[in-house]
Amino acid sequence: MEPNKIIMDACEYNESPPLAIVKVMDRFYANQLIESGSMLFSHLGVFRAWENPVLGDKFDGIAKLKRKESGSTCTIGCINPVYAWCAALPVISPERVSTLANSNKYNCIVRINNTRLMIERFTAALSKQVGSNVHPICGMVSYDKGKYVGEESLGEIISSHEYRLDIFQKDTKFTEDREYRVSFTDYRRNSNVSNVPNEIFEPKCITLTIGNCSDIMEIAALPNIS
């Protein structure tokens, strides 16, 4: 078993899930999330192509490691499409919440008070609504893109796809996001990680409906930043 790899309730985690998470959203979609469990998963290529300096990341889905010995860079990606639903730990600062909200006209926060139960519902819906040849994986994002590793460690990471760095590694400039990702890899298709997905063969977004979540979610107001 890979280091830090946890399997619970048919889902892989890169560490034990937090008790709660939060998501900055538009209130219309927040109501849909709570009432029907509508979760919009975006292909990582969408984030790479998104020309939004706060929410977009042109290297999303592409892990970067540097060899200690030579300083050369090694990149790790996935030939299969990866879709993600992004949230944050509750410790995200009010200032960062305000920045995220202003970047895309979001107007509320959804508090998910039972992360594991939400993910259980997600994995059940995934198998029914998308298919069996998909792999759910959830976890915290690490902000160490381009970190230095020894040659031996690099080989182990590449051979084991350790921590799924292509999904969960981002640049230090995003550290304030305190991001938590719910994601899945679609093994039915291959993709070029450098391109935005083809709309016909590889949808940019996939919506899952996990059922009413009013028992574990609530809407809260954005912080008042003067």
C-alpha atoms as a PDB file:
ATOM      1  CA  MET A   1       0.000   0.000   0.000  1.00  0.00           C
ATOM      2  CA  GLU A   2       1.225   3.469  -0.837  1.00  0.00           C
ATOM      3  CA  PRO A   3       2.162   5.868   1.983  1.00  0.00           C
ATOM      4  CA  ASN A   4      -0.806   7.917   3.272  1.00  0.00           C
ATOM      5  CA  LYS A   5      -3.204   5.929   1.096  1.00  0.00           C
ATOM      6  CA  ILE A   6      -6.483   5.114   2.864  1.00  0.00           C
ATOM      7  CA  ILE A   7      -9.417   3.147   1.472  1.00  0.00           C
ATOM      8  CA  MET A   8     -12.777   3.706   3.158  1.00  0.00           C
ATOM      9  CA  ASP A   9     -16.284   3.032   1.859  1.00  0.00           C
ATOM     10  CA  ALA A  10     -15.075   2.320  -1.695  1.00  0.00           C
ATOM     11  CA  CYS A  11     -13.171   5.619  -1.882  1.00  0.00           C
ATOM     12  CA  GLU A  12      -9.444   6.363  -1.769  1.00  0.00           C
ATOM     13  CA  TYR A  13      -8.172   9.189   0.438  1.00  0.00           C
ATOM     14  CA  ASN A  14      -4.704  10.692   0.652  1.00  0.00           C
ATOM     15  CA  GLU A  15      -5.362  11.197   4.382  1.00  0.00           C
ATOM     16  CA  SER A  16      -8.295  10.819   6.772  1.00  0.00           C
ATOM     17  CA  PRO A  17     -11.121  13.167   5.732  1.00  0.00           C
ATOM     18  CA  PRO A  18     -11.748  16.267   7.856  1.00  0.00           C
ATOM     19  CA  LEU A  19     -14.930  16.450   9.900  1.00  0.00           C
ATOM     20  CA  ALA A  20     -16.208  19.448   7.938  1.00  0.00           C
ATOM     21  CA  ILE A  21     -15.445  21.474   4.802  1.00  0.00           C
ATOM     22  CA  VAL A  22     -16.839  24.654   3.249  1.00  0.00           C
ATOM     23  CA  LYS A  23     -17.521  25.787  -0.311  1.00  0.00           C
ATOM     24  CA  VAL A  24     -17.918  29.352  -1.594  1.00  0.00           C
ATOM     25  CA  MET A  25     -20.776  29.385  -4.109  1.00  0.00           C
ATOM     26  CA  ASP A  26     -23.573  31.181  -5.876  1.00  0.00           C
ATOM     27  CA  ARG A  27     -26.723  30.847  -3.739  1.00  0.00           C
ATOM     28  CA  PHE A  28     -28.775  29.362  -6.600  1.00  0.00           C
ATOM     29  CA  TYR A  29     -26.356  26.448  -6.961  1.00  0.00           C
ATOM     30  CA  ALA A  30     -25.926  26.237  -3.195  1.00  0.00           C
ATOM     31  CA  ASN A  31     -29.643  25.565  -2.860  1.00  0.00           C
ATOM     32  CA  GLN A  32     -29.414  22.908  -5.567  1.00  0.00           C
ATOM     33  CA  LEU A  33     -26.520  21.271  -3.729  1.00  0.00           C
ATOM     34  CA  ILE A  34     -28.456  21.090  -0.474  1.00  0.00           C
ATOM     35  CA  GLU A  35     -31.869  20.194  -1.890  1.00  0.00           C
ATOM     36  CA  SER A  36     -30.852  17.564  -4.461  1.00  0.00           C
ATOM     37  CA  GLY A  37     -27.139  17.033  -3.876  1.00  0.00           C
ATOM     38  CA  SER A  38     -26.185  18.467  -7.282  1.00  0.00           C
ATOM     39  CA  MET A  39     -22.362  18.441  -7.496  1.00  0.00           C
ATOM     40  CA  LEU A  40     -20.650  19.863 -10.582  1.00  0.00           C
ATOM     41  CA  PHE A  41     -17.310  18.158 -11.295  1.00  0.00           C
ATOM     42  CA  SER A  42     -14.974  19.939 -13.703  1.00  0.00           C
ATOM     43  CA  HIS A  43     -12.273  18.347 -15.819  1.00  0.00           C
ATOM     44  CA  LEU A  44      -8.879  19.585 -14.601  1.00  0.00           C
ATOM     45  CA  GLY A  45      -8.319  20.930 -18.108  1.00  0.00           C
ATOM     46  CA  VAL A  46     -11.052  23.480 -17.390  1.00  0.00           C
ATOM     47  CA  PHE A  47      -9.003  24.907 -14.510  1.00  0.00           C
ATOM     48  CA  ARG A  48      -5.910  24.990 -16.736  1.00  0.00           C
ATOM     49  CA  ALA A  49      -7.776  26.972 -19.379  1.00  0.00           C
ATOM     50  CA  TRP A  50      -9.652  29.257 -16.980  1.00  0.00           C
ATOM     51  CA  GLU A  51      -8.232  32.758 -17.349  1.00  0.00           C
ATOM     52  CA  ASN A  52      -9.034  33.688 -13.768  1.00  0.00           C
ATOM     53  CA  PRO A  53      -5.930  34.460 -11.665  1.00  0.00           C
ATOM     54  CA  VAL A  54      -7.656  33.347  -8.452  1.00  0.00           C
ATOM     55  CA  LEU A  55      -9.552  30.225  -9.546  1.00  0.00           C
ATOM     56  CA  GLY A  56      -7.646  29.173 -12.670  1.00  0.00           C
ATOM     57  CA  ASP A  57      -4.355  27.257 -12.591  1.00  0.00           C
ATOM     58  CA  LYS A  58      -2.565  26.556 -15.871  1.00  0.00           C
ATOM     59  CA  PHE A  59      -0.655  23.688 -14.230  1.00  0.00           C
ATOM     60  CA  ASP A  60      -3.623  22.002 -12.535  1.00  0.00           C
ATOM     61  CA  GLY A  61      -3.381  18.223 -12.941  1.00  0.00           C
ATOM     62  CA  ILE A  62       0.342  18.362 -13.694  1.00  0.00           C
ATOM     63  CA  ALA A  63       2.632  17.556 -10.783  1.00  0.00           C
ATOM     64  CA  LYS A  64       6.156  18.964 -10.766  1.00  0.00           C
ATOM     65  CA  LEU A  65       9.154  17.596  -8.876  1.00  0.00           C
ATOM     66  CA  LYS A  66      12.787  18.674  -9.013  1.00  0.00           C
ATOM     67  CA  ARG A  67      15.767  16.369  -8.725  1.00  0.00           C
ATOM     68  CA  LYS A  68      18.031  17.374  -5.835  1.00  0.00           C
ATOM     69  CA  GLU A  69      21.099  16.168  -7.670  1.00  0.00           C
ATOM     70  CA  SER A  70      20.665  18.026 -10.959  1.00  0.00           C
ATOM     71  CA  GLY A  71      17.844  20.493 -10.371  1.00  0.00           C
ATOM     72  CA  SER A  72      16.056  19.193 -13.471  1.00  0.00           C
ATOM     73  CA  THR A  73      12.250  19.090 -13.428  1.00  0.00           C
ATOM     74  CA  CYS A  74      10.094  15.979 -13.719  1.00  0.00           C
ATOM     75  CA  THR A  75       6.392  16.300 -14.495  1.00  0.00           C
ATOM     76  CA  ILE A  76       3.694  13.749 -13.682  1.00  0.00           C
ATOM     77  CA  GLY A  77       0.242  13.678 -15.259  1.00  0.00           C
ATOM     78  CA  CYS A  78      -2.562  11.236 -15.965  1.00  0.00           C
ATOM     79  CA  ILE A  79      -3.597  10.014 -19.415  1.00  0.00           C
ATOM     80  CA  ASN A  80      -7.145   9.517 -18.130  1.00  0.00           C
ATOM     81  CA  PRO A  81      -9.567  12.399 -17.529  1.00  0.00           C
ATOM     82  CA  VAL A  82      -9.764  13.620 -13.932  1.00  0.00           C
ATOM     83  CA  TYR A  83     -12.771  15.539 -12.601  1.00  0.00           C
ATOM     84  CA  ALA A  84     -12.784  17.552  -9.377  1.00  0.00           C
ATOM     85  CA  TRP A  85     -15.215  19.294  -7.026  1.00  0.00           C
ATOM     86  CA  CYS A  86     -13.317  21.812  -4.940  1.00  0.00           C
ATOM     87  CA  ALA A  87     -13.986  22.994  -1.397  1.00  0.00           C
ATOM     88  CA  ALA A  88     -11.866  24.189   1.539  1.00  0.00           C
ATOM     89  CA  LEU A  89     -11.142  23.527   5.175  1.00  0.00           C
ATOM     90  CA  PRO A  90     -13.155  25.681   7.594  1.00  0.00           C
ATOM     91  CA  VAL A  91      -9.907  27.345   8.721  1.00  0.00           C
ATOM     92  CA  ILE A  92      -9.686  29.255   5.426  1.00  0.00           C
ATOM     93  CA  SER A  93      -9.339  32.916   6.298  1.00  0.00           C
ATOM     94  CA  PRO A  94     -12.277  35.351   5.919  1.00  0.00           C
ATOM     95  CA  GLU A  95     -10.069  37.455   3.650  1.00  0.00           C
ATOM     96  CA  ARG A  96      -9.446  34.537   1.294  1.00  0.00           C
ATOM     97  CA  VAL A  97     -13.143  33.627   1.271  1.00  0.00           C
ATOM     98  CA  SER A  98     -13.889  37.209   0.254  1.00  0.00           C
ATOM     99  CA  THR A  99     -11.272  37.064  -2.508  1.00  0.00           C
ATOM    100  CA  LEU A 100     -12.709  33.803  -3.874  1.00  0.00           C
ATOM    101  CA  ALA A 101     -16.233  35.219  -3.756  1.00  0.00           C
ATOM    102  CA  ASN A 102     -15.294  38.428  -5.554  1.00  0.00           C
ATOM    103  CA  SER A 103     -13.393  36.529  -8.253  1.00  0.00           C
ATOM    104  CA  ASN A 104     -16.531  34.840  -9.598  1.00  0.00           C
ATOM    105  CA  LYS A 105     -19.490  36.714  -8.066  1.00  0.00           C
ATOM    106  CA  TYR A 106     -20.177  34.085  -5.407  1.00  0.00           C
ATOM    107  CA  ASN A 107     -22.532  35.241  -2.663  1.00  0.00           C
ATOM    108  CA  CYS A 108     -22.664  32.604   0.075  1.00  0.00           C
ATOM    109  CA  ILE A 109     -20.871  29.731   1.789  1.00  0.00           C
ATOM    110  CA  VAL A 110     -22.097  26.152   2.092  1.00  0.00           C
ATOM    111  CA  ARG A 111     -20.942  24.401   5.234  1.00  0.00           C
ATOM    112  CA  ILE A 112     -20.659  20.624   4.880  1.00  0.00           C
ATOM    113  CA  ASN A 113     -20.781  19.359   8.459  1.00  0.00           C
ATOM    114  CA  ASN A 114     -20.109  15.700   7.708  1.00  0.00           C
ATOM    115  CA  THR A 115     -17.492  15.307   4.994  1.00  0.00           C
ATOM    116  CA  ARG A 116     -17.294  11.534   5.140  1.00  0.00           C
ATOM    117  CA  LEU A 117     -21.059  11.058   4.796  1.00  0.00           C
ATOM    118  CA  MET A 118     -21.131  13.417   1.808  1.00  0.00           C
ATOM    119  CA  ILE A 119     -18.318  11.431   0.176  1.00  0.00           C
ATOM    120  CA  GLU A 120     -20.139   8.148   0.857  1.00  0.00           C
ATOM    121  CA  ARG A 121     -23.126   9.544  -1.033  1.00  0.00           C
ATOM    122  CA  PHE A 122     -20.823  10.783  -3.789  1.00  0.00           C
ATOM    123  CA  THR A 123     -19.194   7.369  -4.308  1.00  0.00           C
ATOM    124  CA  ALA A 124     -22.594   5.642  -4.395  1.00  0.00           C
ATOM    125  CA  ALA A 125     -23.900   8.119  -6.979  1.00  0.00           C
ATOM    126  CA  LEU A 126     -20.684   7.878  -9.007  1.00  0.00           C
ATOM    127  CA  SER A 127     -21.015   4.141  -9.588  1.00  0.00           C
ATOM    128  CA  LYS A 128     -24.683   4.445 -10.532  1.00  0.00           C
ATOM    129  CA  GLN A 129     -24.591   7.591 -12.649  1.00  0.00           C
ATOM    130  CA  VAL A 130     -21.180   7.433 -14.335  1.00  0.00           C
ATOM    131  CA  GLY A 131     -20.192   3.771 -14.309  1.00  0.00           C
ATOM    132  CA  SER A 132     -17.940   1.235 -12.670  1.00  0.00           C
ATOM    133  CA  ASN A 133     -14.702   2.020 -14.495  1.00  0.00           C
ATOM    134  CA  VAL A 134     -14.035   5.188 -12.498  1.00  0.00           C
ATOM    135  CA  HIS A 135     -11.924   5.700  -9.402  1.00  0.00           C
ATOM    136  CA  PRO A 136     -12.906   8.160  -6.637  1.00  0.00           C
ATOM    137  CA  ILE A 137     -10.111   9.805  -4.656  1.00  0.00           C
ATOM    138  CA  CYS A 138     -10.395  12.638  -2.151  1.00  0.00           C
ATOM    139  CA  GLY A 139      -7.972  14.647  -0.103  1.00  0.00           C
ATOM    140  CA  MET A 140      -6.175  17.798   0.886  1.00  0.00           C
ATOM    141  CA  VAL A 141      -4.170  19.716  -1.685  1.00  0.00           C
ATOM    142  CA  SER A 142      -0.459  20.129  -0.949  1.00  0.00           C
ATOM    143  CA  TYR A 143       1.218  23.392  -1.918  1.00  0.00           C
ATOM    144  CA  ASP A 144       4.665  22.171  -2.900  1.00  0.00           C
ATOM    145  CA  LYS A 145       4.720  22.071  -6.693  1.00  0.00           C
ATOM    146  CA  GLY A 146       8.340  21.867  -7.791  1.00  0.00           C
ATOM    147  CA  LYS A 147       9.578  20.415  -4.503  1.00  0.00           C
ATOM    148  CA  TYR A 148      13.038  18.830  -4.471  1.00  0.00           C
ATOM    149  CA  VAL A 149      13.327  15.061  -4.085  1.00  0.00           C
ATOM    150  CA  GLY A 150      16.190  12.612  -4.253  1.00  0.00           C
ATOM    151  CA  GLU A 151      16.582  10.332  -7.261  1.00  0.00           C
ATOM    152  CA  GLU A 152      15.552   7.254  -5.275  1.00  0.00           C
ATOM    153  CA  SER A 153      12.448   8.956  -3.885  1.00  0.00           C
ATOM    154  CA  LEU A 154      11.564  10.254  -7.338  1.00  0.00           C
ATOM    155  CA  GLY A 155      11.614   6.745  -8.766  1.00  0.00           C
ATOM    156  CA  GLU A 156       9.338   5.489  -6.001  1.00  0.00           C
ATOM    157  CA  ILE A 157       6.894   8.342  -6.512  1.00  0.00           C
ATOM    158  CA  ILE A 158       6.689   7.782 -10.258  1.00  0.00           C
ATOM    159  CA  SER A 159       6.323   4.003  -9.995  1.00  0.00           C
ATOM    160  CA  SER A 160       3.653   4.140  -7.300  1.00  0.00           C
ATOM    161  CA  HIS A 161       1.967   7.383  -8.393  1.00  0.00           C
ATOM    162  CA  GLU A 162       2.392   8.339  -4.763  1.00  0.00           C
ATOM    163  CA  TYR A 163      -0.315  10.602  -3.303  1.00  0.00           C
ATOM    164  CA  ARG A 164      -1.726  11.205  -6.821  1.00  0.00           C
ATOM    165  CA  LEU A 165       0.292  14.404  -6.975  1.00  0.00           C
ATOM    166  CA  ASP A 166      -1.188  15.244 -10.368  1.00  0.00           C
ATOM    167  CA  ILE A 167      -4.530  15.869  -8.613  1.00  0.00           C
ATOM    168  CA  PHE A 168      -3.434  17.149  -5.225  1.00  0.00           C
ATOM    169  CA  GLN A 169      -0.293  19.234  -5.817  1.00  0.00           C
ATOM    170  CA  LYS A 170      -0.504  22.980  -6.446  1.00  0.00           C
ATOM    171  CA  ASP A 171       1.802  25.985  -6.403  1.00  0.00           C
ATOM    172  CA  THR A 172       2.552  27.814  -3.148  1.00  0.00           C
ATOM    173  CA  LYS A 173       0.710  30.907  -4.404  1.00  0.00           C
ATOM    174  CA  PHE A 174      -2.574  29.025  -3.808  1.00  0.00           C
ATOM    175  CA  THR A 175      -1.728  28.084  -0.197  1.00  0.00           C
ATOM    176  CA  GLU A 176      -4.398  30.370   1.278  1.00  0.00           C
ATOM    177  CA  ASP A 177      -7.116  28.323  -0.468  1.00  0.00           C
ATOM    178  CA  ARG A 178      -6.713  25.452   2.053  1.00  0.00           C
ATOM    179  CA  GLU A 179      -8.346  23.352  -0.651  1.00  0.00           C
ATOM    180  CA  TYR A 180     -10.003  19.982  -0.203  1.00  0.00           C
ATOM    181  CA  ARG A 181     -10.805  18.033  -3.371  1.00  0.00           C
ATOM    182  CA  VAL A 182     -13.419  15.416  -4.124  1.00  0.00           C
ATOM    183  CA  SER A 183     -12.407  13.869  -7.433  1.00  0.00           C
ATOM    184  CA  PHE A 184     -12.551  10.855  -9.695  1.00  0.00           C
ATOM    185  CA  THR A 185     -10.477   9.467 -12.537  1.00  0.00           C
ATOM    186  CA  ASP A 186     -12.392   8.196 -15.565  1.00  0.00           C
ATOM    187  CA  TYR A 187     -10.569   5.122 -16.844  1.00  0.00           C
ATOM    188  CA  ARG A 188     -12.977   4.730 -19.771  1.00  0.00           C
ATOM    189  CA  ARG A 189     -11.178   7.462 -21.693  1.00  0.00           C
ATOM    190  CA  ASN A 190      -7.671   8.734 -22.387  1.00  0.00           C
ATOM    191  CA  SER A 191      -6.791  12.400 -22.645  1.00  0.00           C
ATOM    192  CA  ASN A 192      -3.930  14.746 -23.383  1.00  0.00           C
ATOM    193  CA  VAL A 193      -3.264  16.552 -20.097  1.00  0.00           C
ATOM    194  CA  SER A 194      -2.068  19.663 -21.934  1.00  0.00           C
ATOM    195  CA  ASN A 195      -5.388  20.306 -23.687  1.00  0.00           C
ATOM    196  CA  VAL A 196      -8.890  21.323 -22.740  1.00  0.00           C
ATOM    197  CA  PRO A 197     -11.120  18.240 -23.179  1.00  0.00           C
ATOM    198  CA  ASN A 198     -13.048  17.593 -26.368  1.00  0.00           C
ATOM    199  CA  GLU A 199     -16.712  18.328 -25.591  1.00  0.00           C
ATOM    200  CA  ILE A 200     -17.958  15.358 -27.601  1.00  0.00           C
ATOM    201  CA  PHE A 201     -15.692  12.584 -26.382  1.00  0.00           C
ATOM    202  CA  GLU A 202     -14.715  13.987 -23.027  1.00  0.00           C
ATOM    203  CA  PRO A 203     -17.196  16.349 -21.305  1.00  0.00           C
ATOM    204  CA  LYS A 204     -15.758  19.389 -19.609  1.00  0.00           C
ATOM    205  CA  CYS A 205     -18.109  18.947 -16.665  1.00  0.00           C
ATOM    206  CA  ILE A 206     -20.087  16.088 -15.139  1.00  0.00           C
ATOM    207  CA  THR A 207     -22.941  16.667 -12.688  1.00  0.00           C
ATOM    208  CA  LEU A 208     -23.705  14.050 -10.056  1.00  0.00           C
ATOM    209  CA  THR A 209     -26.844  14.086  -7.928  1.00  0.00           C
ATOM    210  CA  ILE A 210     -26.210  12.571  -4.500  1.00  0.00           C
ATOM    211  CA  GLY A 211     -29.640  13.244  -2.956  1.00  0.00           C
ATOM    212  CA  ASN A 212     -30.968  15.705  -0.406  1.00  0.00           C
ATOM    213  CA  CYS A 213     -28.189  16.909   1.901  1.00  0.00           C
ATOM    214  CA  SER A 214     -30.084  19.202   4.248  1.00  0.00           C
ATOM    215  CA  ASP A 215     -29.120  16.894   7.117  1.00  0.00           C
ATOM    216  CA  ILE A 216     -25.400  17.628   6.664  1.00  0.00           C
ATOM    217  CA  MET A 217     -25.229  20.994   4.872  1.00  0.00           C
ATOM    218  CA  GLU A 218     -26.273  24.571   5.558  1.00  0.00           C
ATOM    219  CA  ILE A 219     -25.888  27.969   3.902  1.00  0.00           C
ATOM    220  CA  ALA A 220     -23.967  30.730   5.661  1.00  0.00           C
ATOM    221  CA  ALA A 221     -23.322  34.355   4.813  1.00  0.00           C
ATOM    222  CA  LEU A 222     -20.015  35.560   3.438  1.00  0.00           C
ATOM    223  CA  PRO A 223     -17.702  37.203   5.980  1.00  0.00           C
ATOM    224  CA  ASN A 224     -18.047  40.938   6.339  1.00  0.00           C
ATOM    225  CA  ILE A 225     -14.637  42.315   5.352  1.00  0.00           C
ATOM    226  CA  SER A 226     -14.483  46.062   5.862  1.00  0.00           C
END
